[in-house]
Amino acid sequence: GLVYVVDSNDPTRFAEAGDELMNILNSPEFPPNVPVLVLANKQDLPMSCSPGEVADKLQLNNHRKNKWFVQACNAVNGDGLYEGMDRMAVMLKEAKRENAGSAF
């Protein structure tokens, strides 16, 4: 799976972060069955964007090739990191089951 970390408190960088993420996801080398976890970091700050807002700003709602999930987190104290990794584990198991017999 791919884990992508964004600063949810810096709206000026969402366009760049979204472009970079889409470049990765749309690359011919990146398989369509690989799940994506976006960690929306810095949720402890008062002006941070919610996971839904992060998904909108990264235009993930338009991306249908890979399963994805946005997890709110705070890397300083670890809030949300375990939950994000748990979600990634579930998505990986689902992808493995759905793609049984193919190269994963």
N, C-alpha and C. Protein backbone atom coordinates (compact mmCIF):
# COMPACT_ATOMS: atom_id res chain seq x y z
N GLY A 1 0.82 -1.19 0.00
CA GLY A 1 0.00 0.00 0.00
C GLY A 1 0.86 1.25 0.00
N LEU A 2 0.23 2.34 -0.30
CA LEU A 2 0.90 3.64 -0.28
C LEU A 2 0.38 4.45 0.90
N VAL A 3 1.30 4.98 1.71
CA VAL A 3 0.95 5.90 2.78
C VAL A 3 1.46 7.27 2.37
N TYR A 4 0.54 8.23 2.30
CA TYR A 4 0.85 9.59 1.84
C TYR A 4 0.48 10.55 2.96
N VAL A 5 1.41 11.36 3.40
CA VAL A 5 1.18 12.28 4.52
C VAL A 5 1.05 13.70 4.00
N VAL A 6 -0.01 14.38 4.45
CA VAL A 6 -0.19 15.79 4.08
C VAL A 6 -0.34 16.63 5.34
N ASP A 7 0.08 17.87 5.24
CA ASP A 7 -0.08 18.84 6.31
C ASP A 7 -1.48 19.43 6.17
N SER A 8 -2.39 19.00 7.02
CA SER A 8 -3.78 19.46 6.88
C SER A 8 -3.98 20.88 7.39
N ASN A 9 -2.93 21.50 7.86
CA ASN A 9 -3.01 22.88 8.34
C ASN A 9 -2.42 23.87 7.34
N ASP A 10 -2.00 23.42 6.17
CA ASP A 10 -1.38 24.30 5.18
C ASP A 10 -2.14 24.23 3.85
N PRO A 11 -3.24 24.99 3.75
CA PRO A 11 -4.06 24.94 2.53
C PRO A 11 -3.34 25.41 1.28
N THR A 12 -2.26 26.15 1.43
CA THR A 12 -1.54 26.64 0.25
C THR A 12 -0.80 25.52 -0.48
N ARG A 13 -0.61 24.37 0.17
CA ARG A 13 0.13 23.28 -0.45
C ARG A 13 -0.75 22.14 -0.92
N PHE A 14 -2.07 22.24 -0.74
CA PHE A 14 -2.95 21.15 -1.15
C PHE A 14 -2.91 20.91 -2.65
N ALA A 15 -2.86 21.95 -3.44
CA ALA A 15 -2.82 21.77 -4.90
C ALA A 15 -1.57 20.99 -5.30
N GLU A 16 -0.43 21.38 -4.76
CA GLU A 16 0.82 20.69 -5.07
C GLU A 16 0.79 19.25 -4.56
N ALA A 17 0.31 19.05 -3.33
CA ALA A 17 0.24 17.70 -2.77
C ALA A 17 -0.72 16.83 -3.59
N GLY A 18 -1.84 17.40 -4.00
CA GLY A 18 -2.80 16.66 -4.82
C GLY A 18 -2.24 16.30 -6.17
N ASP A 19 -1.54 17.24 -6.80
CA ASP A 19 -0.91 16.95 -8.10
C ASP A 19 0.11 15.83 -7.98
N GLU A 20 0.94 15.88 -6.93
CA GLU A 20 1.95 14.85 -6.74
C GLU A 20 1.30 13.49 -6.49
N LEU A 21 0.27 13.47 -5.66
CA LEU A 21 -0.42 12.21 -5.39
C LEU A 21 -1.05 11.64 -6.66
N MET A 22 -1.69 12.48 -7.44
CA MET A 22 -2.31 12.00 -8.69
C MET A 22 -1.26 11.53 -9.69
N ASN A 23 -0.09 12.18 -9.71
CA ASN A 23 1.00 11.71 -10.57
C ASN A 23 1.41 10.29 -10.20
N ILE A 24 1.47 10.02 -8.90
CA ILE A 24 1.81 8.68 -8.44
C ILE A 24 0.71 7.70 -8.82
N LEU A 25 -0.53 8.04 -8.47
CA LEU A 25 -1.64 7.12 -8.68
C LEU A 25 -1.93 6.84 -10.15
N ASN A 26 -1.69 7.82 -11.00
CA ASN A 26 -1.96 7.66 -12.42
C ASN A 26 -0.76 7.16 -13.22
N SER A 27 0.34 6.92 -12.54
CA SER A 27 1.53 6.41 -13.20
C SER A 27 1.27 4.98 -13.67
N PRO A 28 1.75 4.63 -14.86
CA PRO A 28 1.56 3.26 -15.34
C PRO A 28 2.25 2.22 -14.45
N GLU A 29 3.24 2.64 -13.69
CA GLU A 29 3.95 1.71 -12.80
C GLU A 29 3.19 1.44 -11.50
N PHE A 30 2.20 2.27 -11.18
CA PHE A 30 1.46 2.10 -9.91
C PHE A 30 0.21 1.27 -10.16
N PRO A 31 0.16 0.05 -9.60
CA PRO A 31 -0.97 -0.85 -9.87
C PRO A 31 -2.31 -0.30 -9.36
N PRO A 32 -3.39 -0.61 -10.06
CA PRO A 32 -4.70 -0.11 -9.66
C PRO A 32 -5.27 -0.77 -8.41
N ASN A 33 -4.71 -1.89 -7.99
CA ASN A 33 -5.26 -2.59 -6.84
C ASN A 33 -4.54 -2.26 -5.54
N VAL A 34 -3.63 -1.32 -5.55
CA VAL A 34 -2.87 -0.97 -4.35
C VAL A 34 -3.64 0.10 -3.56
N PRO A 35 -3.96 -0.20 -2.30
CA PRO A 35 -4.70 0.77 -1.50
C PRO A 35 -3.83 1.96 -1.08
N VAL A 36 -4.51 3.08 -0.82
CA VAL A 36 -3.83 4.33 -0.48
C VAL A 36 -4.39 4.85 0.85
N LEU A 37 -3.49 5.12 1.78
CA LEU A 37 -3.85 5.75 3.05
C LEU A 37 -3.25 7.15 3.05
N VAL A 38 -4.10 8.15 3.19
CA VAL A 38 -3.63 9.52 3.32
C VAL A 38 -3.73 9.90 4.79
N LEU A 39 -2.61 10.26 5.38
CA LEU A 39 -2.60 10.72 6.76
C LEU A 39 -2.70 12.24 6.76
N ALA A 40 -3.82 12.74 7.28
CA ALA A 40 -4.05 14.19 7.38
C ALA A 40 -3.45 14.66 8.70
N ASN A 41 -2.20 15.04 8.65
CA ASN A 41 -1.43 15.37 9.84
C ASN A 41 -1.78 16.76 10.39
N LYS A 42 -1.34 17.00 11.61
CA LYS A 42 -1.48 18.27 12.32
C LYS A 42 -2.93 18.58 12.69
N GLN A 43 -3.70 17.54 13.00
CA GLN A 43 -5.09 17.73 13.39
C GLN A 43 -5.24 18.43 14.74
N ASP A 44 -4.13 18.58 15.46
CA ASP A 44 -4.17 19.27 16.75
C ASP A 44 -4.24 20.79 16.59
N LEU A 45 -4.00 21.29 15.39
CA LEU A 45 -4.00 22.74 15.17
C LEU A 45 -5.41 23.22 14.83
N PRO A 46 -5.77 24.39 15.31
CA PRO A 46 -7.17 24.85 15.20
C PRO A 46 -7.66 25.09 13.77
N MET A 47 -6.79 25.38 12.83
CA MET A 47 -7.23 25.68 11.46
C MET A 47 -7.04 24.50 10.51
N SER A 48 -6.76 23.32 11.05
CA SER A 48 -6.51 22.17 10.17
C SER A 48 -7.81 21.74 9.49
N CYS A 49 -7.67 21.21 8.29
CA CYS A 49 -8.81 20.72 7.52
C CYS A 49 -9.19 19.32 7.99
N SER A 50 -10.46 19.02 7.95
CA SER A 50 -10.95 17.70 8.33
C SER A 50 -10.54 16.68 7.26
N PRO A 51 -10.62 15.39 7.57
CA PRO A 51 -10.32 14.38 6.55
C PRO A 51 -11.17 14.52 5.30
N GLY A 52 -12.44 14.86 5.45
CA GLY A 52 -13.30 15.07 4.28
C GLY A 52 -12.83 16.23 3.43
N GLU A 53 -12.43 17.31 4.08
CA GLU A 53 -11.91 18.46 3.34
C GLU A 53 -10.60 18.12 2.64
N VAL A 54 -9.75 17.34 3.30
CA VAL A 54 -8.49 16.92 2.69
C VAL A 54 -8.78 16.08 1.44
N ALA A 55 -9.71 15.15 1.55
CA ALA A 55 -10.08 14.31 0.39
C ALA A 55 -10.57 15.18 -0.76
N ASP A 56 -11.40 16.18 -0.45
CA ASP A 56 -11.90 17.09 -1.49
C ASP A 56 -10.77 17.88 -2.13
N LYS A 57 -9.89 18.44 -1.30
CA LYS A 57 -8.81 19.29 -1.81
C LYS A 57 -7.78 18.49 -2.62
N LEU A 58 -7.62 17.21 -2.28
CA LEU A 58 -6.71 16.36 -3.05
C LEU A 58 -7.40 15.71 -4.25
N GLN A 59 -8.69 15.97 -4.39
CA GLN A 59 -9.53 15.45 -5.47
C GLN A 59 -9.57 13.93 -5.48
N LEU A 60 -9.54 13.34 -4.29
CA LEU A 60 -9.60 11.89 -4.20
C LEU A 60 -10.97 11.35 -4.58
N ASN A 61 -12.01 12.15 -4.41
CA ASN A 61 -13.35 11.69 -4.75
C ASN A 61 -13.49 11.41 -6.24
N ASN A 62 -12.61 11.97 -7.04
CA ASN A 62 -12.62 11.74 -8.49
C ASN A 62 -11.76 10.53 -8.89
N HIS A 63 -11.04 9.98 -7.93
CA HIS A 63 -10.12 8.87 -8.23
C HIS A 63 -10.79 7.54 -7.90
N ARG A 64 -10.96 6.71 -8.90
CA ARG A 64 -11.66 5.44 -8.72
C ARG A 64 -10.76 4.22 -8.93
N LYS A 65 -9.51 4.44 -9.31
CA LYS A 65 -8.62 3.34 -9.66
C LYS A 65 -8.12 2.56 -8.43
N ASN A 66 -7.92 3.25 -7.32
CA ASN A 66 -7.41 2.64 -6.10
C ASN A 66 -8.37 2.93 -4.95
N LYS A 67 -8.49 1.97 -4.04
CA LYS A 67 -9.22 2.27 -2.81
C LYS A 67 -8.36 3.19 -1.97
N TRP A 68 -9.01 4.14 -1.31
CA TRP A 68 -8.26 5.09 -0.50
C TRP A 68 -9.03 5.42 0.77
N PHE A 69 -8.31 5.94 1.74
CA PHE A 69 -8.90 6.37 3.01
C PHE A 69 -8.07 7.51 3.55
N VAL A 70 -8.74 8.53 4.10
CA VAL A 70 -8.04 9.66 4.72
C VAL A 70 -8.24 9.54 6.23
N GLN A 71 -7.13 9.49 6.96
CA GLN A 71 -7.15 9.36 8.41
C GLN A 71 -6.61 10.62 9.06
N ALA A 72 -7.38 11.21 9.95
CA ALA A 72 -6.90 12.34 10.75
C ALA A 72 -5.82 11.84 11.68
N CYS A 73 -4.75 12.61 11.84
CA CYS A 73 -3.70 12.19 12.75
C CYS A 73 -2.91 13.38 13.29
N ASN A 74 -2.12 13.07 14.29
CA ASN A 74 -1.19 14.02 14.88
C ASN A 74 0.10 13.23 15.12
N ALA A 75 1.09 13.45 14.28
CA ALA A 75 2.33 12.68 14.36
C ALA A 75 3.10 12.95 15.64
N VAL A 76 2.89 14.11 16.27
CA VAL A 76 3.64 14.44 17.48
C VAL A 76 3.25 13.50 18.63
N ASN A 77 1.95 13.27 18.81
CA ASN A 77 1.53 12.42 19.92
C ASN A 77 1.00 11.05 19.47
N GLY A 78 0.95 10.82 18.16
CA GLY A 78 0.55 9.52 17.64
C GLY A 78 -0.93 9.33 17.42
N ASP A 79 -1.76 10.31 17.76
CA ASP A 79 -3.21 10.18 17.57
C ASP A 79 -3.53 9.86 16.11
N GLY A 80 -4.31 8.82 15.90
CA GLY A 80 -4.77 8.46 14.58
C GLY A 80 -3.85 7.57 13.77
N LEU A 81 -2.60 7.42 14.19
CA LEU A 81 -1.65 6.63 13.40
C LEU A 81 -1.99 5.14 13.43
N TYR A 82 -2.29 4.61 14.61
CA TYR A 82 -2.66 3.20 14.71
C TYR A 82 -3.94 2.92 13.94
N GLU A 83 -4.91 3.83 14.06
CA GLU A 83 -6.17 3.66 13.34
C GLU A 83 -5.93 3.65 11.83
N GLY A 84 -5.05 4.52 11.37
CA GLY A 84 -4.72 4.56 9.95
C GLY A 84 -4.06 3.28 9.48
N MET A 85 -3.13 2.77 10.29
CA MET A 85 -2.45 1.53 9.91
C MET A 85 -3.42 0.34 9.96
N ASP A 86 -4.33 0.35 10.91
CA ASP A 86 -5.36 -0.69 10.96
C ASP A 86 -6.21 -0.66 9.69
N ARG A 87 -6.60 0.53 9.28
CA ARG A 87 -7.41 0.66 8.07
C ARG A 87 -6.63 0.19 6.84
N MET A 88 -5.33 0.51 6.79
CA MET A 88 -4.51 0.05 5.68
C MET A 88 -4.45 -1.47 5.67
N ALA A 89 -4.31 -2.10 6.84
CA ALA A 89 -4.26 -3.56 6.91
C ALA A 89 -5.55 -4.17 6.37
N VAL A 90 -6.69 -3.58 6.71
CA VAL A 90 -7.97 -4.07 6.19
C VAL A 90 -8.03 -3.92 4.67
N MET A 91 -7.62 -2.75 4.16
CA MET A 91 -7.65 -2.53 2.71
C MET A 91 -6.72 -3.49 1.99
N LEU A 92 -5.55 -3.78 2.57
CA LEU A 92 -4.61 -4.71 1.95
C LEU A 92 -5.19 -6.13 1.91
N LYS A 93 -5.83 -6.54 2.99
CA LYS A 93 -6.46 -7.87 3.01
C LYS A 93 -7.56 -7.95 1.97
N GLU A 94 -8.37 -6.89 1.86
CA GLU A 94 -9.44 -6.88 0.86
C GLU A 94 -8.86 -6.94 -0.55
N ALA A 95 -7.81 -6.17 -0.79
CA ALA A 95 -7.18 -6.15 -2.12
C ALA A 95 -6.60 -7.51 -2.45
N LYS A 96 -5.99 -8.15 -1.47
CA LYS A 96 -5.40 -9.47 -1.70
C LYS A 96 -6.49 -10.48 -2.03
N ARG A 97 -7.60 -10.42 -1.30
CA ARG A 97 -8.71 -11.34 -1.53
C ARG A 97 -9.33 -11.09 -2.91
N GLU A 98 -9.52 -9.81 -3.27
CA GLU A 98 -10.12 -9.46 -4.56
C GLU A 98 -9.22 -9.81 -5.73
N ASN A 99 -7.93 -9.83 -5.51
CA ASN A 99 -6.97 -10.06 -6.59
C ASN A 99 -6.28 -11.40 -6.46
N ALA A 100 -6.92 -12.34 -5.81
CA ALA A 100 -6.33 -13.68 -5.66
C ALA A 100 -6.02 -14.25 -7.04
N GLY A 101 -4.81 -14.72 -7.18
CA GLY A 101 -4.40 -15.30 -8.46
C GLY A 101 -3.70 -14.33 -9.37
N SER A 102 -3.82 -13.02 -9.10
CA SER A 102 -3.11 -12.05 -9.94
C SER A 102 -1.88 -11.57 -9.19
N ALA A 103 -0.99 -10.90 -9.89
CA ALA A 103 0.23 -10.39 -9.27
C ALA A 103 -0.12 -9.22 -8.38
N PHE A 104 0.14 -9.33 -7.11
CA PHE A 104 -0.16 -8.26 -6.14
C PHE A 104 1.07 -7.90 -5.39
